[in-house]
Amino acid sequence: MNLRNNVQLIGNLGSDPKVKEVSKGRKVANFSIATTEYVKVRDEYQPKTYWHNIVAWGRDAEVVEKKCVKGTEVVLNGKLVSRVYEDGNGEKRYVTEVVVNEIICRNKAA
């Protein structure tokens, strides 16, 4: 494990994951999760929500596809990755994502 680039998050999916097959039998799942912390504003604590772009490959993508839907709580370990790509208009876009090494989807009991 690379301890210099390690991310651990617990959060909830903001929407259903987008899963696609990129090569024979290999899948990728893209989704976002929200994490919340409480920050003190004057004399009271208020929630502050952060959104994180997540990418899961292979077996982790299959777990996400089978067990995760909007609202699912996830616990994940991964690494932070930044990349640049060109959109349809020729503009450069910069993206920072967490690439999953391990994920647990915890659905709430109905």
N, C-alpha and C. Protein backbone atom coordinates (compact mmCIF):
# COMPACT_ATOMS: atom_id res chain seq x y z
N MET A 1 0.85 -1.17 0.00
CA MET A 1 0.00 0.00 0.00
C MET A 1 0.89 1.24 0.00
N ASN A 2 0.50 2.22 -0.78
CA ASN A 2 1.24 3.47 -0.84
C ASN A 2 0.68 4.41 0.22
N LEU A 3 1.39 4.62 1.29
CA LEU A 3 0.90 5.47 2.38
C LEU A 3 1.02 6.96 2.07
N ARG A 4 1.74 7.30 1.02
CA ARG A 4 1.91 8.72 0.68
C ARG A 4 0.71 9.26 -0.10
N ASN A 5 -0.07 8.40 -0.69
CA ASN A 5 -1.26 8.82 -1.42
C ASN A 5 -2.38 7.88 -1.04
N ASN A 6 -2.97 8.11 0.11
CA ASN A 6 -4.00 7.23 0.64
C ASN A 6 -5.19 8.07 1.09
N VAL A 7 -6.38 7.70 0.62
CA VAL A 7 -7.61 8.41 0.97
C VAL A 7 -8.56 7.40 1.61
N GLN A 8 -9.16 7.79 2.73
CA GLN A 8 -10.19 6.99 3.38
C GLN A 8 -11.41 7.88 3.54
N LEU A 9 -12.55 7.42 3.03
CA LEU A 9 -13.78 8.21 3.09
C LEU A 9 -14.95 7.35 3.53
N ILE A 10 -15.87 7.97 4.25
CA ILE A 10 -17.16 7.39 4.56
C ILE A 10 -18.19 8.43 4.14
N GLY A 11 -19.08 8.04 3.25
CA GLY A 11 -20.07 8.99 2.76
C GLY A 11 -21.24 8.28 2.11
N ASN A 12 -22.11 9.05 1.48
CA ASN A 12 -23.30 8.51 0.83
C ASN A 12 -23.33 8.88 -0.65
N LEU A 13 -23.76 7.92 -1.47
CA LEU A 13 -23.87 8.16 -2.91
C LEU A 13 -24.91 9.23 -3.18
N GLY A 14 -24.56 10.18 -4.05
CA GLY A 14 -25.48 11.25 -4.42
C GLY A 14 -26.43 10.85 -5.54
N SER A 15 -26.08 9.82 -6.30
CA SER A 15 -26.94 9.31 -7.37
C SER A 15 -26.51 7.87 -7.65
N ASP A 16 -27.31 7.18 -8.46
CA ASP A 16 -26.93 5.82 -8.82
C ASP A 16 -25.61 5.85 -9.60
N PRO A 17 -24.75 4.85 -9.36
CA PRO A 17 -23.47 4.83 -10.08
C PRO A 17 -23.66 4.55 -11.57
N LYS A 18 -22.75 5.06 -12.37
CA LYS A 18 -22.74 4.77 -13.81
C LYS A 18 -21.67 3.70 -14.02
N VAL A 19 -22.12 2.52 -14.47
CA VAL A 19 -21.20 1.39 -14.66
C VAL A 19 -21.20 1.03 -16.13
N LYS A 20 -19.99 0.84 -16.68
CA LYS A 20 -19.91 0.40 -18.08
C LYS A 20 -18.76 -0.58 -18.23
N GLU A 21 -18.89 -1.40 -19.25
CA GLU A 21 -17.84 -2.37 -19.56
C GLU A 21 -16.87 -1.68 -20.53
N VAL A 22 -15.60 -1.63 -20.15
CA VAL A 22 -14.61 -0.93 -20.98
C VAL A 22 -13.80 -1.87 -21.84
N SER A 23 -13.73 -3.12 -21.46
CA SER A 23 -13.11 -4.15 -22.27
C SER A 23 -13.74 -5.47 -21.86
N LYS A 24 -13.42 -6.51 -22.55
CA LYS A 24 -14.07 -7.80 -22.33
C LYS A 24 -14.03 -8.20 -20.85
N GLY A 25 -15.20 -8.09 -20.19
CA GLY A 25 -15.31 -8.51 -18.80
C GLY A 25 -14.77 -7.52 -17.78
N ARG A 26 -14.20 -6.39 -18.19
CA ARG A 26 -13.66 -5.40 -17.24
C ARG A 26 -14.59 -4.20 -17.19
N LYS A 27 -15.02 -3.86 -15.97
CA LYS A 27 -15.96 -2.76 -15.79
C LYS A 27 -15.33 -1.61 -15.03
N VAL A 28 -15.96 -0.43 -15.20
CA VAL A 28 -15.60 0.75 -14.44
C VAL A 28 -16.89 1.39 -13.92
N ALA A 29 -16.85 1.84 -12.68
CA ALA A 29 -18.00 2.52 -12.07
C ALA A 29 -17.58 3.93 -11.71
N ASN A 30 -18.40 4.90 -12.08
CA ASN A 30 -18.18 6.30 -11.74
C ASN A 30 -19.37 6.78 -10.91
N PHE A 31 -19.07 7.46 -9.81
CA PHE A 31 -20.13 7.99 -8.94
C PHE A 31 -19.54 9.06 -8.05
N SER A 32 -20.41 9.75 -7.35
CA SER A 32 -19.93 10.75 -6.39
C SER A 32 -20.52 10.43 -5.02
N ILE A 33 -19.76 10.78 -3.99
CA ILE A 33 -20.26 10.62 -2.64
C ILE A 33 -20.15 11.95 -1.91
N ALA A 34 -21.03 12.12 -0.94
CA ALA A 34 -21.02 13.30 -0.08
C ALA A 34 -20.49 12.90 1.28
N THR A 35 -19.59 13.72 1.81
CA THR A 35 -19.14 13.57 3.19
C THR A 35 -19.50 14.86 3.92
N THR A 36 -19.80 14.75 5.19
CA THR A 36 -20.22 15.91 5.96
C THR A 36 -19.39 16.03 7.22
N GLU A 37 -18.96 17.25 7.50
CA GLU A 37 -18.32 17.53 8.78
C GLU A 37 -19.05 18.71 9.41
N TYR A 38 -18.88 18.86 10.69
CA TYR A 38 -19.54 19.96 11.39
C TYR A 38 -18.51 20.99 11.79
N VAL A 39 -18.76 22.24 11.37
CA VAL A 39 -17.84 23.33 11.64
C VAL A 39 -18.52 24.34 12.55
N LYS A 40 -17.74 24.93 13.42
CA LYS A 40 -18.29 25.89 14.36
C LYS A 40 -18.41 27.26 13.70
N VAL A 41 -19.62 27.79 13.67
CA VAL A 41 -19.90 29.12 13.15
C VAL A 41 -20.52 29.91 14.29
N ARG A 42 -19.80 30.91 14.73
CA ARG A 42 -20.15 31.67 15.92
C ARG A 42 -20.22 30.70 17.10
N ASP A 43 -21.38 30.47 17.65
CA ASP A 43 -21.46 29.58 18.82
C ASP A 43 -22.18 28.27 18.54
N GLU A 44 -22.37 27.94 17.27
CA GLU A 44 -23.06 26.68 16.97
C GLU A 44 -22.35 25.93 15.85
N TYR A 45 -22.55 24.63 15.83
CA TYR A 45 -21.96 23.78 14.79
C TYR A 45 -22.95 23.62 13.65
N GLN A 46 -22.45 23.79 12.44
CA GLN A 46 -23.28 23.65 11.25
C GLN A 46 -22.64 22.65 10.30
N PRO A 47 -23.48 21.87 9.59
CA PRO A 47 -22.92 20.88 8.67
C PRO A 47 -22.31 21.55 7.43
N LYS A 48 -21.20 20.98 6.97
CA LYS A 48 -20.56 21.40 5.72
C LYS A 48 -20.35 20.12 4.91
N THR A 49 -20.94 20.10 3.73
CA THR A 49 -20.89 18.91 2.89
C THR A 49 -19.88 19.09 1.77
N TYR A 50 -19.09 18.05 1.53
CA TYR A 50 -18.12 18.02 0.44
C TYR A 50 -18.50 16.89 -0.51
N TRP A 51 -18.31 17.11 -1.82
CA TRP A 51 -18.59 16.09 -2.83
C TRP A 51 -17.28 15.59 -3.41
N HIS A 52 -17.20 14.27 -3.58
CA HIS A 52 -15.99 13.62 -4.08
C HIS A 52 -16.34 12.74 -5.28
N ASN A 53 -15.56 12.88 -6.37
CA ASN A 53 -15.72 12.03 -7.55
C ASN A 53 -14.96 10.73 -7.30
N ILE A 54 -15.62 9.60 -7.52
CA ILE A 54 -15.05 8.29 -7.23
C ILE A 54 -15.05 7.44 -8.49
N VAL A 55 -13.97 6.64 -8.67
CA VAL A 55 -13.86 5.70 -9.78
C VAL A 55 -13.47 4.34 -9.20
N ALA A 56 -14.23 3.31 -9.57
CA ALA A 56 -13.92 1.94 -9.14
C ALA A 56 -13.77 1.07 -10.38
N TRP A 57 -12.74 0.22 -10.39
CA TRP A 57 -12.44 -0.64 -11.54
C TRP A 57 -12.62 -2.10 -11.16
N GLY A 58 -12.86 -2.94 -12.19
CA GLY A 58 -12.85 -4.39 -12.03
C GLY A 58 -13.82 -4.90 -10.97
N ARG A 59 -13.28 -5.67 -10.04
CA ARG A 59 -14.12 -6.30 -9.01
C ARG A 59 -14.82 -5.26 -8.14
N ASP A 60 -14.13 -4.16 -7.84
CA ASP A 60 -14.77 -3.09 -7.05
C ASP A 60 -15.94 -2.48 -7.81
N ALA A 61 -15.82 -2.34 -9.12
CA ALA A 61 -16.92 -1.82 -9.93
C ALA A 61 -18.11 -2.77 -9.90
N GLU A 62 -17.84 -4.06 -9.89
CA GLU A 62 -18.92 -5.05 -9.81
C GLU A 62 -19.64 -4.98 -8.46
N VAL A 63 -18.89 -4.77 -7.39
CA VAL A 63 -19.50 -4.61 -6.06
C VAL A 63 -20.42 -3.39 -6.06
N VAL A 64 -19.93 -2.30 -6.60
CA VAL A 64 -20.72 -1.07 -6.67
C VAL A 64 -21.98 -1.28 -7.49
N GLU A 65 -21.84 -1.95 -8.63
CA GLU A 65 -22.99 -2.20 -9.51
C GLU A 65 -24.07 -3.02 -8.82
N LYS A 66 -23.66 -4.02 -8.04
CA LYS A 66 -24.61 -4.93 -7.40
C LYS A 66 -25.20 -4.39 -6.10
N LYS A 67 -24.43 -3.59 -5.36
CA LYS A 67 -24.84 -3.26 -3.99
C LYS A 67 -25.07 -1.79 -3.71
N CYS A 68 -24.72 -0.91 -4.61
CA CYS A 68 -24.80 0.53 -4.32
C CYS A 68 -25.84 1.23 -5.18
N VAL A 69 -26.67 2.02 -4.55
CA VAL A 69 -27.63 2.88 -5.23
C VAL A 69 -27.60 4.23 -4.53
N LYS A 70 -28.30 5.19 -5.09
CA LYS A 70 -28.37 6.52 -4.49
C LYS A 70 -28.70 6.42 -3.00
N GLY A 71 -27.94 7.10 -2.18
CA GLY A 71 -28.18 7.11 -0.74
C GLY A 71 -27.39 6.07 0.04
N THR A 72 -26.84 5.07 -0.64
CA THR A 72 -26.08 4.01 0.04
C THR A 72 -24.86 4.62 0.74
N GLU A 73 -24.63 4.19 1.98
CA GLU A 73 -23.41 4.59 2.68
C GLU A 73 -22.27 3.70 2.20
N VAL A 74 -21.14 4.31 1.89
CA VAL A 74 -19.96 3.56 1.47
C VAL A 74 -18.77 3.91 2.35
N VAL A 75 -17.94 2.91 2.55
CA VAL A 75 -16.67 3.08 3.22
C VAL A 75 -15.62 2.68 2.19
N LEU A 76 -14.67 3.57 1.91
CA LEU A 76 -13.71 3.23 0.87
C LEU A 76 -12.31 3.70 1.21
N ASN A 77 -11.36 2.97 0.64
CA ASN A 77 -9.95 3.33 0.66
C ASN A 77 -9.54 3.49 -0.80
N GLY A 78 -8.67 4.45 -1.07
CA GLY A 78 -8.23 4.64 -2.43
C GLY A 78 -7.08 5.61 -2.50
N LYS A 79 -6.86 6.12 -3.70
CA LYS A 79 -5.80 7.11 -3.90
C LYS A 79 -6.35 8.28 -4.69
N LEU A 80 -5.78 9.44 -4.46
CA LEU A 80 -6.19 10.66 -5.15
C LEU A 80 -5.44 10.78 -6.47
N VAL A 81 -6.20 10.99 -7.56
CA VAL A 81 -5.62 11.08 -8.90
C VAL A 81 -6.18 12.32 -9.60
N SER A 82 -5.30 13.10 -10.20
CA SER A 82 -5.72 14.26 -10.99
C SER A 82 -5.36 14.00 -12.45
N ARG A 83 -6.24 14.46 -13.35
CA ARG A 83 -5.98 14.26 -14.77
C ARG A 83 -6.56 15.43 -15.56
N VAL A 84 -6.11 15.55 -16.80
CA VAL A 84 -6.57 16.59 -17.71
C VAL A 84 -7.11 15.91 -18.96
N TYR A 85 -8.23 16.42 -19.46
CA TYR A 85 -8.75 15.92 -20.73
C TYR A 85 -9.34 17.08 -21.52
N GLU A 86 -9.59 16.85 -22.80
CA GLU A 86 -10.17 17.86 -23.66
C GLU A 86 -11.64 17.52 -23.90
N ASP A 87 -12.52 18.48 -23.63
CA ASP A 87 -13.95 18.23 -23.83
C ASP A 87 -14.32 18.37 -25.30
N GLY A 88 -15.60 18.20 -25.62
CA GLY A 88 -16.07 18.25 -27.00
C GLY A 88 -15.84 19.58 -27.70
N ASN A 89 -15.66 20.65 -26.92
CA ASN A 89 -15.41 21.98 -27.48
C ASN A 89 -13.93 22.32 -27.58
N GLY A 90 -13.07 21.35 -27.27
CA GLY A 90 -11.64 21.57 -27.33
C GLY A 90 -11.07 22.26 -26.10
N GLU A 91 -11.89 22.43 -25.06
CA GLU A 91 -11.44 23.07 -23.83
C GLU A 91 -10.79 22.04 -22.90
N LYS A 92 -9.71 22.44 -22.24
CA LYS A 92 -9.08 21.56 -21.26
C LYS A 92 -9.92 21.53 -19.99
N ARG A 93 -10.13 20.34 -19.48
CA ARG A 93 -10.86 20.14 -18.22
C ARG A 93 -9.94 19.42 -17.25
N TYR A 94 -9.99 19.84 -16.01
CA TYR A 94 -9.17 19.25 -14.96
C TYR A 94 -10.08 18.53 -13.98
N VAL A 95 -9.73 17.29 -13.64
CA VAL A 95 -10.56 16.47 -12.77
C VAL A 95 -9.68 15.85 -11.69
N THR A 96 -10.18 15.86 -10.47
CA THR A 96 -9.53 15.13 -9.38
C THR A 96 -10.52 14.08 -8.89
N GLU A 97 -10.07 12.83 -8.79
CA GLU A 97 -10.92 11.71 -8.43
C GLU A 97 -10.23 10.85 -7.38
N VAL A 98 -11.04 10.09 -6.68
CA VAL A 98 -10.51 9.05 -5.80
C VAL A 98 -10.67 7.73 -6.54
N VAL A 99 -9.56 7.02 -6.78
CA VAL A 99 -9.59 5.71 -7.42
C VAL A 99 -9.60 4.67 -6.30
N VAL A 100 -10.63 3.84 -6.29
CA VAL A 100 -10.88 2.89 -5.20
C VAL A 100 -9.89 1.74 -5.21
N ASN A 101 -9.39 1.41 -4.01
CA ASN A 101 -8.62 0.18 -3.79
C ASN A 101 -9.48 -0.86 -3.08
N GLU A 102 -10.43 -0.38 -2.28
CA GLU A 102 -11.30 -1.25 -1.49
C GLU A 102 -12.56 -0.48 -1.15
N ILE A 103 -13.73 -1.15 -1.26
CA ILE A 103 -14.99 -0.47 -0.97
C ILE A 103 -15.97 -1.42 -0.30
N ILE A 104 -16.74 -0.87 0.62
CA ILE A 104 -17.83 -1.59 1.29
C ILE A 104 -19.07 -0.73 1.12
N CYS A 105 -20.14 -1.34 0.61
CA CYS A 105 -21.43 -0.65 0.46
C CYS A 105 -22.33 -1.12 1.59
N ARG A 106 -22.81 -0.16 2.39
CA ARG A 106 -23.66 -0.51 3.53
C ARG A 106 -25.05 0.06 3.31
N ASN A 107 -25.97 -0.80 2.85
CA ASN A 107 -27.36 -0.38 2.65
C ASN A 107 -28.05 -0.35 3.99
N LYS A 108 -28.87 0.67 4.16
CA LYS A 108 -29.65 0.78 5.40
C LYS A 108 -30.81 -0.19 5.35
N ALA A 109 -31.14 -0.75 6.52
CA ALA A 109 -32.26 -1.69 6.61
C ALA A 109 -33.56 -0.96 6.32
N ALA A 110 -34.43 -1.64 5.60
CA ALA A 110 -35.73 -1.03 5.24
C ALA A 110 -36.69 -1.05 6.39
